[in-house]
Amino acid sequence: MTTPRNPAATHSASLIWYARCPTLTALGLLANRGVLQREFLRENINLVSVRETHTPSVRQGHLDHSLTNLVREADAATALWAHGQNGRSSLLAVGQTWHSVSVVARPGHFRPGSHSNRLRDLIGRRLSLPREAGAFSPAQVRSLRAWEAILGSAGVSQHDVEFAPVVADHPSVPFGDIARREVEALLGGHTDVAILFGAKGLELARSAHLQELHRFEAEDIRQQPGLSGLVELRAVTVDHPLLDGDPEVVSRILSQLIAASAWAERFPREALRQIAIEGRVEEADAGEAYGSLIAEGARLGLEAERLTAIQDLQTWLKSRHLVPDDHQIADWSRPDILTAAQKRLKAVA
């Protein structure tokens, strides 16, 4: 699907950066297929992935949204923090990714047990809590929210466990070493238990022969509200100079992102292959991690359920003074751009 072009159109930006997580994202399903490049093939607009550069200012700029002409689909916590810092972005859509979450320990640390709730064994243990360098650590936020959900599901108080810090790379490093650092901390005895996320987590747990205490499957996380802390919440954001200077281009990009879910539904095997490429994992691990929720996970929107989820995340971040108390989702979001993108999709269908 390519949008009809106006050959006389001029655009304010000739270079547009895009950034995404190395997991399931709508951007990730497009990135390696040249979809965005074809959209602007006959126009003086080049779309370049942040991953293709080693320039520190670009790497850092996609995190705090100080990078000009940036479209980003990545963790919503960082997007909220960045907007609270400088107000340079607008929220276009929200995505929810469901993948497996494994609670693991080093081999032989826990005696094989027959009781149904192995998570009660977390009492008195040192739980891995990664902390990246820099002003804001997305990995720490993700892990702490996950631990809260996991402990809550097991009826274990946070007062009954100890969080052991694990130092990791700066979050601007692509394909960082967070999970590997956590595995090393387990094997070295610095921590007792860790959380490994998604397909990469399955791969690392298998290669290190870790003991899996419990695995939350994608479908279980999708169905149980109490496990919302295990959902990977994504925000599609764009910086103000690009949106103010060329809203039509932003709308066209967003249209392509919205269409990714339907494409994944029509071509599930190719979608799985793209996810494996994005995460540098085996297709079998990606299939096991995401289950039947790939197309649904790629879906984007601003429906009430999604807005409630990002509101809850904002409240959590505010309680830890990571987002200003007066920050409002309504002031940040631009539903008019999403509406324009959806109309564009219908017009070319």
C-alpha atoms as a PDB file:
ATOM      1  CA  MET A   1       0.000   0.000   0.000  1.00  0.00           C
ATOM      2  CA  THR A   2       1.564   3.279  -1.115  1.00  0.00           C
ATOM      3  CA  THR A   3      -0.047   6.670  -0.727  1.00  0.00           C
ATOM      4  CA  PRO A   4      -0.735   8.618  -3.948  1.00  0.00           C
ATOM      5  CA  ARG A   5       1.781  11.449  -4.243  1.00  0.00           C
ATOM      6  CA  ASN A   6       1.469  15.056  -5.158  1.00  0.00           C
ATOM      7  CA  PRO A   7       4.473  15.651  -7.445  1.00  0.00           C
ATOM      8  CA  ALA A   8       4.369  19.369  -6.764  1.00  0.00           C
ATOM      9  CA  ALA A   9       4.603  18.932  -2.999  1.00  0.00           C
ATOM     10  CA  THR A  10       7.600  20.308  -1.118  1.00  0.00           C
ATOM     11  CA  HIS A  11       8.638  19.090   2.298  1.00  0.00           C
ATOM     12  CA  SER A  12      10.399  20.755   5.209  1.00  0.00           C
ATOM     13  CA  ALA A  13      12.517  17.689   6.045  1.00  0.00           C
ATOM     14  CA  SER A  14      14.818  15.845   3.654  1.00  0.00           C
ATOM     15  CA  LEU A  15      16.138  13.501   6.361  1.00  0.00           C
ATOM     16  CA  ILE A  16      13.851  11.732   8.830  1.00  0.00           C
ATOM     17  CA  TRP A  17      15.239   9.510  11.571  1.00  0.00           C
ATOM     18  CA  TYR A  18      13.287   6.564  12.915  1.00  0.00           C
ATOM     19  CA  ALA A  19      13.907   4.461  16.013  1.00  0.00           C
ATOM     20  CA  ARG A  20      12.313   1.323  17.417  1.00  0.00           C
ATOM     21  CA  CYS A  21      12.801  -1.411  20.022  1.00  0.00           C
ATOM     22  CA  PRO A  22      14.523  -4.651  18.908  1.00  0.00           C
ATOM     23  CA  THR A  23      11.313  -6.581  19.599  1.00  0.00           C
ATOM     24  CA  LEU A  24       7.856  -6.621  18.012  1.00  0.00           C
ATOM     25  CA  THR A  25       6.948  -3.153  16.759  1.00  0.00           C
ATOM     26  CA  ALA A  26       5.034  -1.903  13.740  1.00  0.00           C
ATOM     27  CA  LEU A  27       8.187  -0.053  12.675  1.00  0.00           C
ATOM     28  CA  GLY A  28      10.184  -3.257  12.976  1.00  0.00           C
ATOM     29  CA  LEU A  29       7.799  -5.074  10.659  1.00  0.00           C
ATOM     30  CA  LEU A  30       8.390  -2.369   8.029  1.00  0.00           C
ATOM     31  CA  ALA A  31      12.042  -1.477   8.506  1.00  0.00           C
ATOM     32  CA  ASN A  32      13.718  -4.340   6.666  1.00  0.00           C
ATOM     33  CA  ARG A  33      11.142  -4.475   3.834  1.00  0.00           C
ATOM     34  CA  GLY A  34      11.741  -0.964   2.495  1.00  0.00           C
ATOM     35  CA  VAL A  35       8.131   0.093   3.020  1.00  0.00           C
ATOM     36  CA  LEU A  36       8.893   3.604   4.254  1.00  0.00           C
ATOM     37  CA  GLN A  37      11.526   4.138   1.580  1.00  0.00           C
ATOM     38  CA  ARG A  38       9.032   3.199  -1.153  1.00  0.00           C
ATOM     39  CA  GLU A  39       6.461   5.565   0.305  1.00  0.00           C
ATOM     40  CA  PHE A  40       8.768   8.523  -0.359  1.00  0.00           C
ATOM     41  CA  LEU A  41      10.695   7.109  -3.309  1.00  0.00           C
ATOM     42  CA  ARG A  42       9.966   9.984  -5.698  1.00  0.00           C
ATOM     43  CA  GLU A  43      10.339  12.732  -3.139  1.00  0.00           C
ATOM     44  CA  ASN A  44      13.367  14.321  -1.558  1.00  0.00           C
ATOM     45  CA  ILE A  45      12.875  12.510   1.749  1.00  0.00           C
ATOM     46  CA  ASN A  46      15.315   9.948   3.123  1.00  0.00           C
ATOM     47  CA  LEU A  47      14.338   7.807   6.101  1.00  0.00           C
ATOM     48  CA  VAL A  48      17.289   6.528   8.124  1.00  0.00           C
ATOM     49  CA  SER A  49      17.320   4.196  11.121  1.00  0.00           C
ATOM     50  CA  VAL A  50      19.051   5.432  14.258  1.00  0.00           C
ATOM     51  CA  ARG A  51      20.707   2.013  14.370  1.00  0.00           C
ATOM     52  CA  GLU A  52      22.667   2.894  11.247  1.00  0.00           C
ATOM     53  CA  THR A  53      24.736   5.556  12.975  1.00  0.00           C
ATOM     54  CA  HIS A  54      27.317   5.525  15.765  1.00  0.00           C
ATOM     55  CA  THR A  55      27.091   9.265  16.399  1.00  0.00           C
ATOM     56  CA  PRO A  56      26.552   9.735  20.178  1.00  0.00           C
ATOM     57  CA  SER A  57      24.321  12.798  19.748  1.00  0.00           C
ATOM     58  CA  VAL A  58      21.964  10.811  17.513  1.00  0.00           C
ATOM     59  CA  ARG A  59      21.966   7.836  19.877  1.00  0.00           C
ATOM     60  CA  GLN A  60      21.189  10.031  22.878  1.00  0.00           C
ATOM     61  CA  GLY A  61      18.805  12.217  20.903  1.00  0.00           C
ATOM     62  CA  HIS A  62      16.392   9.400  20.141  1.00  0.00           C
ATOM     63  CA  LEU A  63      16.047   8.690  23.864  1.00  0.00           C
ATOM     64  CA  ASP A  64      15.277  12.207  25.056  1.00  0.00           C
ATOM     65  CA  HIS A  65      13.659  13.223  21.744  1.00  0.00           C
ATOM     66  CA  SER A  66      16.142  16.039  21.233  1.00  0.00           C
ATOM     67  CA  LEU A  67      16.965  14.591  17.790  1.00  0.00           C
ATOM     68  CA  THR A  68      15.307  16.717  15.115  1.00  0.00           C
ATOM     69  CA  ASN A  69      12.978  15.008  12.610  1.00  0.00           C
ATOM     70  CA  LEU A  70      12.534  11.844  14.674  1.00  0.00           C
ATOM     71  CA  VAL A  71       9.736   9.272  14.568  1.00  0.00           C
ATOM     72  CA  ARG A  72      10.070   6.793  17.437  1.00  0.00           C
ATOM     73  CA  GLU A  73       8.187   3.621  18.348  1.00  0.00           C
ATOM     74  CA  ALA A  74       9.655   2.307  21.561  1.00  0.00           C
ATOM     75  CA  ASP A  75       9.011   1.922  25.273  1.00  0.00           C
ATOM     76  CA  ALA A  76       6.394   4.323  26.553  1.00  0.00           C
ATOM     77  CA  ALA A  77       8.191   4.976  29.844  1.00  0.00           C
ATOM     78  CA  THR A  78      11.138   6.616  28.082  1.00  0.00           C
ATOM     79  CA  ALA A  79       8.774   8.596  25.860  1.00  0.00           C
ATOM     80  CA  LEU A  80       6.906   9.900  28.912  1.00  0.00           C
ATOM     81  CA  TRP A  81      10.140  10.777  30.698  1.00  0.00           C
ATOM     82  CA  ALA A  82      11.520  12.562  27.619  1.00  0.00           C
ATOM     83  CA  HIS A  83       8.388  14.654  27.145  1.00  0.00           C
ATOM     84  CA  GLY A  84       8.453  15.554  30.813  1.00  0.00           C
ATOM     85  CA  GLN A  85      12.046  16.722  30.368  1.00  0.00           C
ATOM     86  CA  ASN A  86      11.741  18.915  27.293  1.00  0.00           C
ATOM     87  CA  GLY A  87       8.213  18.776  25.813  1.00  0.00           C
ATOM     88  CA  ARG A  88       9.646  18.281  22.305  1.00  0.00           C
ATOM     89  CA  SER A  89       7.432  15.395  21.186  1.00  0.00           C
ATOM     90  CA  SER A  90       3.822  14.531  20.471  1.00  0.00           C
ATOM     91  CA  LEU A  91       2.156  11.184  21.106  1.00  0.00           C
ATOM     92  CA  LEU A  92       0.569   9.728  17.969  1.00  0.00           C
ATOM     93  CA  ALA A  93      -0.418   6.198  19.035  1.00  0.00           C
ATOM     94  CA  VAL A  94       0.090   3.507  21.662  1.00  0.00           C
ATOM     95  CA  GLY A  95       0.973  -0.159  21.142  1.00  0.00           C
ATOM     96  CA  GLN A  96       0.893  -3.140  23.499  1.00  0.00           C
ATOM     97  CA  THR A  97       3.232  -6.088  23.022  1.00  0.00           C
ATOM     98  CA  TRP A  98       2.677  -9.381  24.781  1.00  0.00           C
ATOM     99  CA  HIS A  99       5.537 -11.865  24.960  1.00  0.00           C
ATOM    100  CA  SER A 100       6.688 -14.527  27.372  1.00  0.00           C
ATOM    101  CA  VAL A 101       8.370 -13.519  30.632  1.00  0.00           C
ATOM    102  CA  SER A 102      10.575 -16.084  32.383  1.00  0.00           C
ATOM    103  CA  VAL A 103      11.591 -16.076  36.049  1.00  0.00           C
ATOM    104  CA  VAL A 104      14.947 -17.858  36.176  1.00  0.00           C
ATOM    105  CA  ALA A 105      17.680 -18.894  38.603  1.00  0.00           C
ATOM    106  CA  ARG A 106      21.131 -20.389  38.236  1.00  0.00           C
ATOM    107  CA  PRO A 107      21.234 -24.173  37.819  1.00  0.00           C
ATOM    108  CA  GLY A 108      20.585 -26.060  41.054  1.00  0.00           C
ATOM    109  CA  HIS A 109      19.917 -22.981  43.174  1.00  0.00           C
ATOM    110  CA  PHE A 110      16.365 -24.110  43.907  1.00  0.00           C
ATOM    111  CA  ARG A 111      15.479 -27.669  44.773  1.00  0.00           C
ATOM    112  CA  PRO A 112      12.971 -29.172  42.338  1.00  0.00           C
ATOM    113  CA  GLY A 113       9.609 -28.871  44.031  1.00  0.00           C
ATOM    114  CA  SER A 114       6.147 -30.262  43.486  1.00  0.00           C
ATOM    115  CA  HIS A 115       4.173 -27.328  44.893  1.00  0.00           C
ATOM    116  CA  SER A 116       2.227 -25.392  42.333  1.00  0.00           C
ATOM    117  CA  ASN A 117       3.443 -21.890  43.216  1.00  0.00           C
ATOM    118  CA  ARG A 118       7.208 -21.893  42.753  1.00  0.00           C
ATOM    119  CA  LEU A 119       7.130 -18.104  42.918  1.00  0.00           C
ATOM    120  CA  ARG A 120       6.696 -18.342  46.694  1.00  0.00           C
ATOM    121  CA  ASP A 121      10.338 -19.445  46.661  1.00  0.00           C
ATOM    122  CA  LEU A 122      11.261 -15.827  45.911  1.00  0.00           C
ATOM    123  CA  ILE A 123      10.843 -14.969  49.581  1.00  0.00           C
ATOM    124  CA  GLY A 124      14.211 -14.052  51.056  1.00  0.00           C
ATOM    125  CA  ARG A 125      15.978 -14.034  47.666  1.00  0.00           C
ATOM    126  CA  ARG A 126      18.046 -11.410  45.862  1.00  0.00           C
ATOM    127  CA  LEU A 127      16.160 -10.308  42.764  1.00  0.00           C
ATOM    128  CA  SER A 128      18.058  -8.892  39.806  1.00  0.00           C
ATOM    129  CA  LEU A 129      17.314  -5.220  39.080  1.00  0.00           C
ATOM    130  CA  PRO A 130      19.299  -3.785  36.139  1.00  0.00           C
ATOM    131  CA  ARG A 131      20.356  -0.145  36.127  1.00  0.00           C
ATOM    132  CA  GLU A 132      21.658   1.473  32.964  1.00  0.00           C
ATOM    133  CA  ALA A 133      24.013   4.425  32.988  1.00  0.00           C
ATOM    134  CA  GLY A 134      22.473   7.837  32.387  1.00  0.00           C
ATOM    135  CA  ALA A 135      19.693   9.995  33.767  1.00  0.00           C
ATOM    136  CA  PHE A 136      16.936   7.479  33.044  1.00  0.00           C
ATOM    137  CA  SER A 137      17.030   3.680  32.938  1.00  0.00           C
ATOM    138  CA  PRO A 138      14.280   2.066  30.817  1.00  0.00           C
ATOM    139  CA  ALA A 139      15.476  -1.402  31.868  1.00  0.00           C
ATOM    140  CA  GLN A 140      15.138  -0.561  35.542  1.00  0.00           C
ATOM    141  CA  VAL A 141      11.591   0.718  35.038  1.00  0.00           C
ATOM    142  CA  ARG A 142      10.612  -2.362  33.030  1.00  0.00           C
ATOM    143  CA  SER A 143      12.117  -4.800  35.531  1.00  0.00           C
ATOM    144  CA  LEU A 144      10.725  -3.075  38.618  1.00  0.00           C
ATOM    145  CA  ARG A 145       7.221  -2.967  37.157  1.00  0.00           C
ATOM    146  CA  ALA A 146       7.568  -6.615  36.156  1.00  0.00           C
ATOM    147  CA  TRP A 147       8.735  -7.640  39.614  1.00  0.00           C
ATOM    148  CA  GLU A 148       5.801  -5.808  41.175  1.00  0.00           C
ATOM    149  CA  ALA A 149       3.374  -7.757  38.972  1.00  0.00           C
ATOM    150  CA  ILE A 150       5.136 -11.090  39.555  1.00  0.00           C
ATOM    151  CA  LEU A 151       5.375 -10.682  43.322  1.00  0.00           C
ATOM    152  CA  GLY A 152       1.758  -9.550  43.443  1.00  0.00           C
ATOM    153  CA  SER A 153       0.634 -12.622  41.510  1.00  0.00           C
ATOM    154  CA  ALA A 154       2.434 -14.844  44.029  1.00  0.00           C
ATOM    155  CA  GLY A 155       1.224 -12.995  47.104  1.00  0.00           C
ATOM    156  CA  VAL A 156       4.787 -12.045  48.047  1.00  0.00           C
ATOM    157  CA  SER A 157       5.536  -8.639  49.576  1.00  0.00           C
ATOM    158  CA  GLN A 158       8.408  -6.521  48.320  1.00  0.00           C
ATOM    159  CA  HIS A 159       9.545  -6.373  51.954  1.00  0.00           C
ATOM    160  CA  ASP A 160      10.211 -10.129  51.759  1.00  0.00           C
ATOM    161  CA  VAL A 161      12.784  -9.839  48.963  1.00  0.00           C
ATOM    162  CA  GLU A 162      15.981  -7.905  48.246  1.00  0.00           C
ATOM    163  CA  PHE A 163      16.630  -6.095  44.978  1.00  0.00           C
ATOM    164  CA  ALA A 164      20.228  -6.537  43.833  1.00  0.00           C
ATOM    165  CA  PRO A 165      21.478  -3.914  41.326  1.00  0.00           C
ATOM    166  CA  VAL A 166      23.058  -5.078  38.068  1.00  0.00           C
ATOM    167  CA  VAL A 167      24.939  -2.374  36.139  1.00  0.00           C
ATOM    168  CA  ALA A 168      24.389  -2.289  32.362  1.00  0.00           C
ATOM    169  CA  ASP A 169      25.293  -0.169  29.325  1.00  0.00           C
ATOM    170  CA  HIS A 170      23.815   3.238  28.580  1.00  0.00           C
ATOM    171  CA  PRO A 171      20.300   2.755  27.094  1.00  0.00           C
ATOM    172  CA  SER A 172      21.435   4.408  23.848  1.00  0.00           C
ATOM    173  CA  VAL A 173      23.577   1.350  23.037  1.00  0.00           C
ATOM    174  CA  PRO A 174      21.703  -0.767  20.454  1.00  0.00           C
ATOM    175  CA  PHE A 175      21.173  -4.403  21.380  1.00  0.00           C
ATOM    176  CA  GLY A 176      22.634  -3.643  24.810  1.00  0.00           C
ATOM    177  CA  ASP A 177      23.937  -6.249  27.165  1.00  0.00           C
ATOM    178  CA  ILE A 178      21.275  -5.965  29.883  1.00  0.00           C
ATOM    179  CA  ALA A 179      19.983  -9.537  29.750  1.00  0.00           C
ATOM    180  CA  ARG A 180      23.491 -10.984  29.403  1.00  0.00           C
ATOM    181  CA  ARG A 181      24.675  -8.959  32.397  1.00  0.00           C
ATOM    182  CA  GLU A 182      21.782 -10.345  34.403  1.00  0.00           C
ATOM    183  CA  VAL A 183      22.660 -13.906  33.399  1.00  0.00           C
ATOM    184  CA  GLU A 184      26.294 -13.288  34.378  1.00  0.00           C
ATOM    185  CA  ALA A 185      25.160 -11.908  37.740  1.00  0.00           C
ATOM    186  CA  LEU A 186      23.089 -15.050  38.313  1.00  0.00           C
ATOM    187  CA  LEU A 187      25.876 -17.443  37.391  1.00  0.00           C
ATOM    188  CA  GLY A 188      28.376 -15.451  39.441  1.00  0.00           C
ATOM    189  CA  GLY A 189      26.217 -15.557  42.580  1.00  0.00           C
ATOM    190  CA  HIS A 190      25.571 -11.796  42.736  1.00  0.00           C
ATOM    191  CA  THR A 191      21.818 -12.405  42.378  1.00  0.00           C
ATOM    192  CA  ASP A 192      19.511 -15.369  43.010  1.00  0.00           C
ATOM    193  CA  VAL A 193      16.678 -14.772  40.544  1.00  0.00           C
ATOM    194  CA  ALA A 194      16.208 -12.724  37.367  1.00  0.00           C
ATOM    195  CA  ILE A 195      13.549 -11.916  34.792  1.00  0.00           C
ATOM    196  CA  LEU A 196      14.256 -12.642  31.130  1.00  0.00           C
ATOM    197  CA  PHE A 197      11.918 -11.176  28.544  1.00  0.00           C
ATOM    198  CA  GLY A 198      10.697 -12.534  25.237  1.00  0.00           C
ATOM    199  CA  ALA A 199      12.542 -14.542  22.601  1.00  0.00           C
ATOM    200  CA  LYS A 200      16.010 -13.350  23.612  1.00  0.00           C
ATOM    201  CA  GLY A 201      15.218 -14.376  27.168  1.00  0.00           C
ATOM    202  CA  LEU A 202      14.276 -17.898  26.057  1.00  0.00           C
ATOM    203  CA  GLU A 203      17.514 -18.162  24.082  1.00  0.00           C
ATOM    204  CA  LEU A 204      19.708 -16.971  26.967  1.00  0.00           C
ATOM    205  CA  ALA A 205      17.987 -19.176  29.538  1.00  0.00           C
ATOM    206  CA  ARG A 206      18.513 -22.221  27.346  1.00  0.00           C
ATOM    207  CA  SER A 207      22.147 -21.486  26.472  1.00  0.00           C
ATOM    208  CA  ALA A 208      23.079 -20.827  30.128  1.00  0.00           C
ATOM    209  CA  HIS A 209      21.098 -23.888  31.351  1.00  0.00           C
ATOM    210  CA  LEU A 210      19.175 -21.715  33.805  1.00  0.00           C
ATOM    211  CA  GLN A 211      16.461 -23.102  36.033  1.00  0.00           C
ATOM    212  CA  GLU A 212      13.068 -21.721  35.057  1.00  0.00           C
ATOM    213  CA  LEU A 213      10.898 -21.194  38.127  1.00  0.00           C
ATOM    214  CA  HIS A 214       7.935 -19.909  36.163  1.00  0.00           C
ATOM    215  CA  ARG A 215       7.065 -18.701  32.690  1.00  0.00           C
ATOM    216  CA  PHE A 216       4.259 -16.261  32.018  1.00  0.00           C
ATOM    217  CA  GLU A 217       3.033 -16.930  28.481  1.00  0.00           C
ATOM    218  CA  ALA A 218       1.955 -14.093  26.192  1.00  0.00           C
ATOM    219  CA  GLU A 219      -1.674 -15.245  26.180  1.00  0.00           C
ATOM    220  CA  ASP A 220      -1.785 -15.365  30.001  1.00  0.00           C
ATOM    221  CA  ILE A 221      -0.405 -11.827  30.242  1.00  0.00           C
ATOM    222  CA  ARG A 222      -2.969 -10.619  27.699  1.00  0.00           C
ATOM    223  CA  GLN A 223      -5.871 -12.100  29.658  1.00  0.00           C
ATOM    224  CA  GLN A 224      -4.930 -11.233  33.252  1.00  0.00           C
ATOM    225  CA  PRO A 225      -5.182  -7.548  34.291  1.00  0.00           C
ATOM    226  CA  GLY A 226      -3.000  -8.252  37.322  1.00  0.00           C
ATOM    227  CA  LEU A 227      -0.082  -8.919  34.979  1.00  0.00           C
ATOM    228  CA  SER A 228      -0.258  -5.544  33.226  1.00  0.00           C
ATOM    229  CA  GLY A 229       3.248  -4.803  34.476  1.00  0.00           C
ATOM    230  CA  LEU A 230       4.503  -7.513  32.107  1.00  0.00           C
ATOM    231  CA  VAL A 231       3.011  -5.849  29.018  1.00  0.00           C
ATOM    232  CA  GLU A 232       5.513  -3.994  26.850  1.00  0.00           C
ATOM    233  CA  LEU A 233       3.797  -0.652  26.353  1.00  0.00           C
ATOM    234  CA  ARG A 234       5.021   1.270  23.291  1.00  0.00           C
ATOM    235  CA  ALA A 235       4.544   4.897  22.307  1.00  0.00           C
ATOM    236  CA  VAL A 236       4.708   6.238  18.758  1.00  0.00           C
ATOM    237  CA  THR A 237       6.042   9.776  19.041  1.00  0.00           C
ATOM    238  CA  VAL A 238       7.280  12.484  16.683  1.00  0.00           C
ATOM    239  CA  ASP A 239       9.249  15.659  17.401  1.00  0.00           C
ATOM    240  CA  HIS A 240       7.515  19.020  17.061  1.00  0.00           C
ATOM    241  CA  PRO A 241       9.671  20.494  14.263  1.00  0.00           C
ATOM    242  CA  LEU A 242       8.757  17.599  11.956  1.00  0.00           C
ATOM    243  CA  LEU A 243       5.095  17.523  12.933  1.00  0.00           C
ATOM    244  CA  ASP A 244       4.650  21.291  12.721  1.00  0.00           C
ATOM    245  CA  GLY A 245       6.609  21.565   9.477  1.00  0.00           C
ATOM    246  CA  ASP A 246       5.115  18.611   7.624  1.00  0.00           C
ATOM    247  CA  PRO A 247       2.057  17.005   9.258  1.00  0.00           C
ATOM    248  CA  GLU A 248       1.144  15.351   5.933  1.00  0.00           C
ATOM    249  CA  VAL A 249       4.419  13.399   5.888  1.00  0.00           C
ATOM    250  CA  VAL A 250       3.924  12.349   9.508  1.00  0.00           C
ATOM    251  CA  SER A 251       0.396  11.200   8.683  1.00  0.00           C
ATOM    252  CA  ARG A 252       1.701   9.100   5.781  1.00  0.00           C
ATOM    253  CA  ILE A 253       4.326   7.467   7.974  1.00  0.00           C
ATOM    254  CA  LEU A 254       1.721   6.717  10.633  1.00  0.00           C
ATOM    255  CA  SER A 255      -0.583   5.217   7.984  1.00  0.00           C
ATOM    256  CA  GLN A 256       2.136   2.732   7.075  1.00  0.00           C
ATOM    257  CA  LEU A 257       2.650   1.841  10.731  1.00  0.00           C
ATOM    258  CA  ILE A 258      -1.074   1.260  11.238  1.00  0.00           C
ATOM    259  CA  ALA A 259      -1.151  -1.019   8.189  1.00  0.00           C
ATOM    260  CA  ALA A 260       1.595  -3.259   9.626  1.00  0.00           C
ATOM    261  CA  SER A 261      -0.828  -5.204  11.819  1.00  0.00           C
ATOM    262  CA  ALA A 262      -3.065  -6.198   8.889  1.00  0.00           C
ATOM    263  CA  TRP A 263       0.034  -7.193   6.908  1.00  0.00           C
ATOM    264  CA  ALA A 264       1.163  -9.422   9.807  1.00  0.00           C
ATOM    265  CA  GLU A 265      -2.267 -11.030   9.852  1.00  0.00           C
ATOM    266  CA  ARG A 266      -2.079 -11.807   6.121  1.00  0.00           C
ATOM    267  CA  PHE A 267       1.525 -12.992   6.185  1.00  0.00           C
ATOM    268  CA  PRO A 268       2.161 -14.526   9.617  1.00  0.00           C
ATOM    269  CA  ARG A 269       5.256 -16.513   8.611  1.00  0.00           C
ATOM    270  CA  GLU A 270       6.944 -13.467   7.095  1.00  0.00           C
ATOM    271  CA  ALA A 271       5.969 -11.386  10.134  1.00  0.00           C
ATOM    272  CA  LEU A 272       7.611 -13.956  12.386  1.00  0.00           C
ATOM    273  CA  ARG A 273      10.730 -13.834  10.227  1.00  0.00           C
ATOM    274  CA  GLN A 274      10.886 -10.042  10.500  1.00  0.00           C
ATOM    275  CA  ILE A 275      10.564 -10.227  14.288  1.00  0.00           C
ATOM    276  CA  ALA A 276      13.429 -12.731  14.412  1.00  0.00           C
ATOM    277  CA  ILE A 277      15.577 -10.411  12.282  1.00  0.00           C
ATOM    278  CA  GLU A 278      14.747  -7.441  14.498  1.00  0.00           C
ATOM    279  CA  GLY A 279      15.601  -9.244  17.730  1.00  0.00           C
ATOM    280  CA  ARG A 280      18.496 -11.283  16.331  1.00  0.00           C
ATOM    281  CA  VAL A 281      16.837 -14.468  17.568  1.00  0.00           C
ATOM    282  CA  GLU A 282      15.715 -17.775  16.089  1.00  0.00           C
ATOM    283  CA  GLU A 283      12.254 -17.887  14.541  1.00  0.00           C
ATOM    284  CA  ALA A 284      11.313 -20.791  16.803  1.00  0.00           C
ATOM    285  CA  ASP A 285      12.074 -18.701  19.911  1.00  0.00           C
ATOM    286  CA  ALA A 286      10.128 -15.740  18.511  1.00  0.00           C
ATOM    287  CA  GLY A 287       7.147 -17.981  17.785  1.00  0.00           C
ATOM    288  CA  GLU A 288       7.271 -19.443  21.287  1.00  0.00           C
ATOM    289  CA  ALA A 289       7.594 -16.023  22.918  1.00  0.00           C
ATOM    290  CA  TYR A 290       4.785 -14.210  21.079  1.00  0.00           C
ATOM    291  CA  GLY A 291       2.406 -17.085  20.472  1.00  0.00           C
ATOM    292  CA  SER A 292      -0.677 -16.049  18.501  1.00  0.00           C
ATOM    293  CA  LEU A 293      -0.456 -12.372  19.453  1.00  0.00           C
ATOM    294  CA  ILE A 294       1.901 -10.983  16.799  1.00  0.00           C
ATOM    295  CA  ALA A 295      -0.689  -9.159  14.683  1.00  0.00           C
ATOM    296  CA  GLU A 296      -2.541  -7.918  17.750  1.00  0.00           C
ATOM    297  CA  GLY A 297       0.728  -6.787  19.303  1.00  0.00           C
ATOM    298  CA  ALA A 298       1.602  -4.759  16.214  1.00  0.00           C
ATOM    299  CA  ARG A 299      -1.709  -2.878  16.361  1.00  0.00           C
ATOM    300  CA  LEU A 300      -1.590   0.844  17.168  1.00  0.00           C
ATOM    301  CA  GLY A 301      -4.231   3.283  18.350  1.00  0.00           C
ATOM    302  CA  LEU A 302      -5.503   5.642  21.016  1.00  0.00           C
ATOM    303  CA  GLU A 303      -8.522   3.671  22.196  1.00  0.00           C
ATOM    304  CA  ALA A 304      -9.653   3.925  25.816  1.00  0.00           C
ATOM    305  CA  GLU A 305      -7.849   0.719  26.835  1.00  0.00           C
ATOM    306  CA  ARG A 306      -4.533   1.982  25.488  1.00  0.00           C
ATOM    307  CA  LEU A 307      -4.938   5.433  27.018  1.00  0.00           C
ATOM    308  CA  THR A 308      -5.773   3.862  30.382  1.00  0.00           C
ATOM    309  CA  ALA A 309      -2.617   1.744  30.194  1.00  0.00           C
ATOM    310  CA  ILE A 310      -0.361   4.721  29.469  1.00  0.00           C
ATOM    311  CA  GLN A 311      -2.146   6.794  32.132  1.00  0.00           C
ATOM    312  CA  ASP A 312      -1.397   4.042  34.658  1.00  0.00           C
ATOM    313  CA  LEU A 313       2.248   4.036  33.591  1.00  0.00           C
ATOM    314  CA  GLN A 314       2.381   7.821  33.939  1.00  0.00           C
ATOM    315  CA  THR A 315       0.958   7.576  37.479  1.00  0.00           C
ATOM    316  CA  TRP A 316       3.626   4.988  38.343  1.00  0.00           C
ATOM    317  CA  LEU A 317       6.398   7.223  36.991  1.00  0.00           C
ATOM    318  CA  LYS A 318       5.022  10.283  38.791  1.00  0.00           C
ATOM    319  CA  SER A 319       5.040   8.403  42.090  1.00  0.00           C
ATOM    320  CA  ARG A 320       8.793   7.910  41.607  1.00  0.00           C
ATOM    321  CA  HIS A 321       9.375  11.524  40.512  1.00  0.00           C
ATOM    322  CA  LEU A 322      10.404  10.493  36.990  1.00  0.00           C
ATOM    323  CA  VAL A 323       7.683  12.576  35.327  1.00  0.00           C
ATOM    324  CA  PRO A 324       6.450  16.008  36.513  1.00  0.00           C
ATOM    325  CA  ASP A 325       3.281  15.941  38.598  1.00  0.00           C
ATOM    326  CA  ASP A 326       1.475  18.279  36.191  1.00  0.00           C
ATOM    327  CA  HIS A 327       2.204  16.182  33.092  1.00  0.00           C
ATOM    328  CA  GLN A 328      -0.988  15.305  31.172  1.00  0.00           C
ATOM    329  CA  ILE A 329      -1.438  12.703  28.417  1.00  0.00           C
ATOM    330  CA  ALA A 330      -4.151  14.844  26.792  1.00  0.00           C
ATOM    331  CA  ASP A 331      -1.705  17.732  26.343  1.00  0.00           C
ATOM    332  CA  TRP A 332       0.880  15.390  24.827  1.00  0.00           C
ATOM    333  CA  SER A 333      -1.265  13.397  22.386  1.00  0.00           C
ATOM    334  CA  ARG A 334      -2.329  14.339  18.856  1.00  0.00           C
ATOM    335  CA  PRO A 335      -5.374  12.209  17.990  1.00  0.00           C
ATOM    336  CA  ASP A 336      -6.003  14.377  14.904  1.00  0.00           C
ATOM    337  CA  ILE A 337      -2.872  12.935  13.252  1.00  0.00           C
ATOM    338  CA  LEU A 338      -4.064   9.400  13.955  1.00  0.00           C
ATOM    339  CA  THR A 339      -7.488  10.232  12.507  1.00  0.00           C
ATOM    340  CA  ALA A 340      -5.870  11.651   9.362  1.00  0.00           C
ATOM    341  CA  ALA A 341      -3.708   8.530   9.002  1.00  0.00           C
ATOM    342  CA  GLN A 342      -6.723   6.249   9.371  1.00  0.00           C
ATOM    343  CA  LYS A 343      -8.677   8.232   6.756  1.00  0.00           C
ATOM    344  CA  ARG A 344      -5.699   8.020   4.417  1.00  0.00           C
ATOM    345  CA  LEU A 345      -5.639   4.247   4.792  1.00  0.00           C
ATOM    346  CA  LYS A 346      -9.326   3.961   3.916  1.00  0.00           C
ATOM    347  CA  ALA A 347      -8.905   6.234   0.909  1.00  0.00           C
ATOM    348  CA  VAL A 348      -6.204   4.038  -0.672  1.00  0.00           C
ATOM    349  CA  ALA A 349      -7.717   0.682   0.345  1.00  0.00           C
END
